[in-house]
Amino acid sequence: METTPAVRFLGCGDAFGNGGRYNTCFWVRRDPAPPVLIDCGASSLIAMKRFGVDPDAIATVFLTHLHGDHFGGLVFLLREATLFRHRRRALTIAGPVGTEDRLRVALEAFFPGGWAVPRDFDLRFVALQPGITIDVDGVRATPFPAKHGSGAPSLSLRLDVDGHVIAYTGDTGWLDSLIEVGRDADLFICEAYTPDQAFPHHLGLSTIREKLPAIQPKRIILTHLGAEMLRQRDTIDLPVAEDGLTVAF
């Protein structure tokens, strides 16, 4: 029986489905404790069903920012859990300040009256703030500021899961704090939206290559590739995520 942590990329795509990839969603196994998610983009419930992941088993969702391709799947997860699955396990959503309000507005926009429907499970929100390390359901989370406009604070995350460090840039332009986010991490999940630094609020592959010697993660995997990056997929010299990829520690 497998008991070591593992990360499965349920979705590694951008906001626009380039390459036919699902929106960002990473499932983290941590037996015997229940699994957690890192981000939950709009297509995440579909991806869970494709890859055989039980939504009711997930105890905690960590969010980097409040764009639909990173948190919008919570609308559908909560809707199904409330009306059809009759979930019982408590769910913690740990995200930027403003997460609860944004999720309420999103759910009401898609399913008017949906927020008021009684739930059979406890729903808890934890505000993640840059520079403040916090234990959330047994995961030690250290948020860092990210450079990505989303109408609320955007974050990069460094998570200690059973003694293994999973670091994730989220969506962001380059900040020197990313060196600390990913330094010596067992797994550094790094967005690489463009080949060069073409956008101020996303990372380009050229910048990642330049900064990687200072970060020195044990393992890096690129995610959130845009259309131009996918056209160059076969020439990229760093590991690239695929939907369904599993990384064990």
Protein backbone atom coordinates (compact mmCIF):
# COMPACT_ATOMS: atom_id res chain seq x y z
CA MET A 1 0.00 0.00 0.00
CA GLU A 2 1.37 3.41 -0.99
CA THR A 3 1.77 5.74 1.97
CA THR A 4 4.23 8.41 0.80
CA PRO A 5 3.01 11.78 -0.46
CA ALA A 6 2.44 12.21 -4.17
CA VAL A 7 1.21 14.98 -6.45
CA ARG A 8 -1.10 14.30 -9.37
CA PHE A 9 -1.64 16.98 -11.97
CA LEU A 10 -5.38 16.81 -12.53
CA GLY A 11 -5.08 19.92 -14.65
CA CYS A 12 -2.02 21.81 -15.84
CA GLY A 13 -3.45 24.12 -18.49
CA ASP A 14 -4.01 27.83 -18.83
CA ALA A 15 -7.29 29.73 -18.68
CA PHE A 16 -8.14 29.07 -22.32
CA GLY A 17 -7.80 25.29 -22.62
CA ASN A 18 -4.76 25.46 -24.90
CA GLY A 19 -3.60 21.98 -25.80
CA GLY A 20 -6.93 20.58 -24.58
CA ARG A 21 -5.61 20.74 -21.00
CA TYR A 22 -7.75 21.10 -17.92
CA ASN A 23 -7.48 24.19 -15.72
CA THR A 24 -5.00 24.18 -12.85
CA CYS A 25 -5.65 21.59 -10.16
CA PHE A 26 -3.06 19.52 -8.28
CA TRP A 27 -4.14 16.61 -6.04
CA VAL A 28 -1.81 15.79 -3.15
CA ARG A 29 -1.95 12.35 -1.53
CA ARG A 30 -0.86 12.21 2.09
CA ASP A 31 -1.90 8.84 3.54
CA PRO A 32 -3.19 8.20 6.12
CA ALA A 33 -4.49 11.78 6.23
CA PRO A 34 -7.04 12.79 3.58
CA PRO A 35 -5.79 14.37 0.36
CA VAL A 36 -5.65 18.08 -0.41
CA LEU A 37 -5.91 20.16 -3.57
CA ILE A 38 -3.73 23.01 -4.72
CA ASP A 39 -5.99 25.25 -6.80
CA CYS A 40 -9.29 24.14 -8.25
CA GLY A 41 -9.87 25.62 -11.69
CA ALA A 42 -13.22 25.64 -13.44
CA SER A 43 -12.78 22.22 -15.08
CA SER A 44 -11.47 20.48 -11.96
CA LEU A 45 -14.55 18.42 -11.13
CA ILE A 46 -14.50 17.03 -14.68
CA ALA A 47 -10.81 16.18 -14.28
CA MET A 48 -11.43 14.45 -10.94
CA LYS A 49 -14.01 12.21 -12.56
CA ARG A 50 -11.77 11.46 -15.51
CA PHE A 51 -8.87 10.44 -13.26
CA GLY A 52 -10.89 8.63 -10.59
CA VAL A 53 -10.42 11.10 -7.75
CA ASP A 54 -13.13 11.16 -5.08
CA PRO A 55 -14.13 14.81 -4.43
CA ASP A 56 -15.61 13.86 -1.05
CA ALA A 57 -12.23 12.59 0.20
CA ILE A 58 -10.58 15.99 -0.20
CA ALA A 59 -10.16 17.72 3.15
CA THR A 60 -8.49 20.98 2.18
CA VAL A 61 -8.14 23.21 -0.88
CA PHE A 62 -5.25 25.68 -1.05
CA LEU A 63 -5.79 28.55 -3.49
CA THR A 64 -3.16 30.79 -5.03
CA HIS A 65 -5.55 33.38 -6.47
CA LEU A 66 -9.13 34.05 -7.41
CA HIS A 67 -9.20 33.74 -11.18
CA GLY A 68 -11.71 31.27 -12.59
CA ASP A 69 -9.07 28.91 -13.96
CA HIS A 70 -7.64 28.53 -10.45
CA PHE A 71 -10.65 28.62 -8.12
CA GLY A 72 -13.80 28.43 -10.26
CA GLY A 73 -14.14 24.66 -9.89
CA LEU A 74 -15.15 25.14 -6.27
CA VAL A 75 -18.53 26.36 -7.48
CA PHE A 76 -19.28 23.00 -9.09
CA LEU A 77 -17.61 20.95 -6.36
CA LEU A 78 -19.73 22.62 -3.67
CA ARG A 79 -22.90 22.44 -5.74
CA GLU A 80 -22.58 18.71 -6.36
CA ALA A 81 -21.45 18.01 -2.78
CA THR A 82 -24.49 19.83 -1.40
CA LEU A 83 -27.27 18.64 -3.70
CA PHE A 84 -26.26 15.21 -4.96
CA ARG A 85 -23.37 13.67 -3.05
CA HIS A 86 -24.58 14.78 0.39
CA ARG A 87 -21.01 15.12 1.52
CA ARG A 88 -20.28 14.67 5.25
CA ARG A 89 -16.55 15.38 5.52
CA ALA A 90 -15.68 18.92 6.55
CA LEU A 91 -13.97 21.03 3.88
CA THR A 92 -11.39 23.73 4.51
CA ILE A 93 -10.68 26.32 1.83
CA ALA A 94 -7.44 28.19 2.46
CA GLY A 95 -6.90 31.10 0.12
CA PRO A 96 -6.23 34.81 -0.18
CA VAL A 97 -8.13 37.36 1.86
CA GLY A 98 -11.54 37.71 0.21
CA THR A 99 -11.91 34.08 -0.87
CA GLU A 100 -15.18 33.42 0.92
CA ASP A 101 -16.86 36.52 -0.47
CA ARG A 102 -15.65 35.86 -4.03
CA LEU A 103 -16.80 32.24 -3.91
CA ARG A 104 -20.21 33.26 -2.63
CA VAL A 105 -20.61 35.75 -5.48
CA ALA A 106 -19.45 33.20 -8.06
CA LEU A 107 -21.79 30.49 -6.82
CA GLU A 108 -24.72 32.89 -6.73
CA ALA A 109 -23.92 34.07 -10.27
CA PHE A 110 -24.01 30.52 -11.61
CA PHE A 111 -26.72 29.08 -9.33
CA PRO A 112 -28.89 31.85 -7.80
CA GLY A 113 -29.85 30.93 -4.26
CA GLY A 114 -27.24 28.20 -4.15
CA TRP A 115 -25.20 29.63 -1.31
CA ALA A 116 -28.18 29.45 1.07
CA VAL A 117 -28.90 25.76 0.42
CA PRO A 118 -28.22 23.84 3.66
CA ARG A 119 -25.08 21.70 3.64
CA ASP A 120 -24.51 18.43 5.47
CA PHE A 121 -20.84 19.32 5.99
CA ASP A 122 -18.88 22.06 7.68
CA LEU A 123 -17.29 24.58 5.32
CA ARG A 124 -14.39 26.53 6.80
CA PHE A 125 -12.34 29.35 5.30
CA VAL A 126 -8.77 30.20 6.26
CA ALA A 127 -7.17 33.44 5.08
CA LEU A 128 -3.60 33.03 3.84
CA GLN A 129 -1.43 36.11 4.20
CA PRO A 130 2.07 36.60 2.80
CA GLY A 131 4.84 36.03 5.31
CA ILE A 132 2.65 34.25 7.85
CA THR A 133 3.22 30.50 8.14
CA ILE A 134 0.14 28.61 9.25
CA ASP A 135 -0.83 25.00 9.89
CA VAL A 136 -3.92 24.09 7.92
CA ASP A 137 -5.25 20.59 8.57
CA GLY A 138 -1.74 19.24 9.13
CA VAL A 139 -0.12 21.02 6.17
CA ARG A 140 2.36 23.78 7.02
CA ALA A 141 1.69 26.57 4.54
CA THR A 142 3.87 29.60 3.88
CA PRO A 143 2.32 32.08 1.43
CA PHE A 144 4.39 34.61 -0.53
CA PRO A 145 3.15 37.58 -2.56
CA ALA A 146 2.61 36.99 -6.27
CA LYS A 147 2.58 39.57 -9.06
CA HIS A 148 -0.73 38.82 -10.73
CA GLY A 149 -3.78 41.05 -10.70
CA SER A 150 -6.87 39.12 -9.67
CA GLY A 151 -8.99 41.56 -7.68
CA ALA A 152 -7.61 40.12 -4.44
CA PRO A 153 -4.11 39.30 -3.18
CA SER A 154 -2.40 36.67 -5.32
CA LEU A 155 -0.03 34.18 -3.74
CA SER A 156 2.77 31.73 -4.33
CA LEU A 157 2.76 28.81 -1.92
CA ARG A 158 5.35 26.72 -0.11
CA LEU A 159 3.69 23.72 1.52
CA ASP A 160 5.29 21.23 3.90
CA VAL A 161 3.37 17.98 3.48
CA ASP A 162 4.57 15.23 5.80
CA GLY A 163 8.12 16.55 5.65
CA HIS A 164 8.13 17.05 1.87
CA VAL A 165 8.14 20.56 0.44
CA ILE A 166 5.86 21.30 -2.50
CA ALA A 167 6.38 24.81 -3.84
CA TYR A 168 4.14 26.46 -6.42
CA THR A 169 4.58 29.83 -8.05
CA GLY A 170 0.93 30.25 -8.93
CA ASP A 171 0.51 32.77 -11.74
CA THR A 172 3.02 35.57 -11.32
CA GLY A 173 5.58 37.79 -12.91
CA TRP A 174 9.09 37.45 -11.56
CA LEU A 175 9.65 38.43 -7.92
CA ASP A 176 12.87 37.73 -6.04
CA SER A 177 10.79 36.09 -3.32
CA LEU A 178 10.25 33.18 -5.72
CA ILE A 179 13.78 32.09 -4.86
CA GLU A 180 12.61 31.46 -1.30
CA VAL A 181 9.37 29.88 -2.48
CA GLY A 182 11.19 27.16 -4.40
CA ARG A 183 14.58 26.91 -2.70
CA ASP A 184 15.54 23.24 -2.18
CA ALA A 185 11.92 22.19 -2.61
CA ASP A 186 11.25 18.51 -3.21
CA LEU A 187 8.95 19.62 -6.02
CA PHE A 188 8.87 23.11 -7.52
CA ILE A 189 5.80 23.58 -9.72
CA CYS A 190 6.52 26.61 -11.85
CA GLU A 191 4.28 28.33 -14.35
CA ALA A 192 5.89 28.97 -17.73
CA TYR A 193 3.32 30.80 -19.79
CA THR A 194 5.53 32.13 -22.56
CA PRO A 195 8.98 31.39 -24.03
CA ASP A 196 10.22 34.88 -23.08
CA GLN A 197 9.13 37.39 -20.46
CA ALA A 198 6.37 38.76 -22.70
CA PHE A 199 3.82 39.45 -19.95
CA PRO A 200 4.46 41.31 -16.68
CA HIS A 201 2.12 39.05 -14.68
CA HIS A 202 3.24 35.64 -15.95
CA LEU A 203 6.59 33.85 -16.00
CA GLY A 204 8.54 33.25 -19.17
CA LEU A 205 10.82 30.26 -19.73
CA SER A 206 13.82 32.50 -20.31
CA THR A 207 13.42 34.01 -16.83
CA ILE A 208 12.99 30.59 -15.23
CA ARG A 209 16.20 29.33 -16.82
CA GLU A 210 18.05 32.44 -15.65
CA LYS A 211 16.85 32.20 -12.05
CA LEU A 212 16.86 28.43 -11.57
CA PRO A 213 20.51 28.20 -10.35
CA ALA A 214 19.58 30.43 -7.40
CA ILE A 215 16.50 28.34 -6.55
CA GLN A 216 18.01 24.85 -6.89
CA PRO A 217 14.88 22.77 -6.28
CA LYS A 218 15.31 19.02 -6.12
CA ARG A 219 12.79 18.70 -8.92
CA ILE A 220 11.01 21.21 -11.16
CA ILE A 221 7.96 20.74 -13.35
CA LEU A 222 6.62 23.45 -15.64
CA THR A 223 2.89 24.09 -15.81
CA HIS A 224 0.32 26.57 -17.20
CA LEU A 225 1.94 26.65 -20.65
CA GLY A 226 0.40 29.07 -23.13
CA ALA A 227 -0.19 28.42 -26.81
CA GLU A 228 3.29 29.45 -27.98
CA MET A 229 4.97 27.30 -25.32
CA LEU A 230 2.90 24.31 -26.38
CA ARG A 231 3.94 24.82 -30.00
CA GLN A 232 7.55 24.55 -28.79
CA ARG A 233 6.81 21.66 -26.40
CA ASP A 234 9.30 19.23 -27.95
CA THR A 235 12.20 21.68 -27.61
CA ILE A 236 11.73 22.57 -23.93
CA ASP A 237 14.62 21.24 -21.89
CA LEU A 238 12.84 21.19 -18.50
CA PRO A 239 10.14 18.70 -17.39
CA VAL A 240 6.63 19.71 -18.38
CA ALA A 241 3.42 18.66 -16.65
CA GLU A 242 0.71 16.71 -18.44
CA ASP A 243 -2.83 16.14 -17.22
CA GLY A 244 -2.79 12.94 -15.16
CA LEU A 245 0.95 12.99 -14.40
CA THR A 246 1.79 11.64 -10.92
CA VAL A 247 4.96 12.59 -9.03
CA ALA A 248 5.79 10.50 -5.95
CA PHE A 249 8.31 11.39 -3.25
